[in-house]
C-alpha cells in the first residue's frame, strides 16, 4: 500500500510539474506575441507621426493632430 501511495504521489507530482511547464511555455509564447505586436504598433505610430509632421509642414494638418500622433508614438 505504501509503495502504491508513493507511486501515485510521484505521478501526481510529475503531472503537476508538466502542467506548470506547459503553463510557463504558453505564457512565454504569449509574451513573445505581445512584444511583436507592440513593436509593430510602435512602428505604425512612428510612421503616422512622420506623415502628420509632413502634412503640418505643407499646411494640411494642425498642431493638435501632431500632438495626438506624438502621444500615440510615446504611449
Protein backbone atom coordinates (compact mmCIF):
# COMPACT_ATOMS: atom_id res chain seq x y z
CA UNK A 1 0.00 0.00 0.00
CA UNK A 2 2.82 2.40 0.86
CA UNK A 3 4.56 1.65 -2.43
CA UNK A 4 1.33 2.27 -4.37
CA UNK A 5 0.76 5.52 -2.44
CA UNK A 6 4.32 6.64 -3.19
CA UNK A 7 3.88 5.79 -6.89
CA UNK A 8 0.65 7.80 -7.04
CA UNK A 9 2.25 10.75 -5.27
CA UNK A 10 5.16 10.67 -7.72
CA UNK A 11 2.82 10.51 -10.70
CA UNK A 12 0.82 13.41 -9.29
CA UNK A 13 4.00 15.45 -8.80
CA UNK A 14 5.08 14.70 -12.38
CA UNK A 15 1.70 15.77 -13.75
CA UNK A 16 1.77 18.95 -11.69
CA UNK A 17 5.27 19.77 -12.91
CA UNK A 18 4.28 19.12 -16.53
CA UNK A 19 1.19 21.32 -16.18
CA UNK A 20 3.30 24.15 -14.71
CA UNK A 21 5.82 23.77 -17.52
CA UNK A 22 3.09 23.93 -20.16
CA UNK A 23 1.60 26.99 -18.45
CA UNK A 24 5.00 28.73 -18.41
CA UNK A 25 5.61 27.85 -22.07
CA UNK A 26 2.23 29.29 -23.03
CA UNK A 27 2.92 32.49 -21.08
CA UNK A 28 6.30 32.77 -22.81
CA UNK A 29 4.77 32.38 -26.28
CA UNK A 30 2.06 34.89 -25.39
CA UNK A 31 4.68 37.37 -24.20
CA UNK A 32 6.65 36.98 -27.44
CA UNK A 33 3.48 37.64 -29.44
CA UNK A 34 2.70 40.71 -27.37
CA UNK A 35 6.22 42.07 -27.88
CA UNK A 36 5.90 41.62 -31.64
CA UNK A 37 2.53 43.40 -31.64
CA UNK A 38 3.90 46.26 -29.54
CA UNK A 39 6.87 46.67 -31.89
CA UNK A 40 4.53 46.73 -34.89
CA UNK A 41 2.29 49.25 -33.16
CA UNK A 42 5.26 51.48 -32.33
CA UNK A 43 6.42 51.32 -35.96
CA UNK A 44 2.97 52.29 -37.23
CA UNK A 45 2.76 55.15 -34.71
CA UNK A 46 6.15 56.47 -35.87
CA UNK A 47 5.05 56.27 -39.50
CA UNK A 48 1.87 58.14 -38.60
CA UNK A 49 3.86 60.81 -36.75
CA UNK A 50 6.13 61.25 -39.76
CA UNK A 51 3.16 61.61 -42.11
CA UNK A 52 1.38 64.10 -39.83
CA UNK A 53 4.57 66.13 -39.43
CA UNK A 54 4.95 66.34 -43.19
CA UNK A 55 1.29 67.31 -43.53
CA UNK A 56 1.86 70.06 -40.95
CA UNK A 57 4.79 71.39 -42.99
CA UNK A 58 2.52 71.51 -46.03
CA UNK A 59 -0.25 73.23 -44.09
CA UNK A 60 -2.57 70.22 -44.29
CA UNK A 61 -2.55 69.37 -40.58
CA UNK A 62 -2.71 71.29 -37.33
CA UNK A 63 -0.69 71.17 -34.14
CA UNK A 64 -3.40 69.15 -32.37
CA UNK A 65 -3.04 66.33 -34.91
CA UNK A 66 0.73 66.40 -34.46
CA UNK A 67 0.36 66.28 -30.69
CA UNK A 68 -2.03 63.34 -30.92
CA UNK A 69 0.44 61.49 -33.15
CA UNK A 70 3.25 62.26 -30.69
CA UNK A 71 1.22 60.93 -27.76
CA UNK A 72 0.36 57.81 -29.74
CA UNK A 73 4.04 57.23 -30.51
CA UNK A 74 5.17 57.88 -26.94
CA UNK A 75 2.42 55.76 -25.40
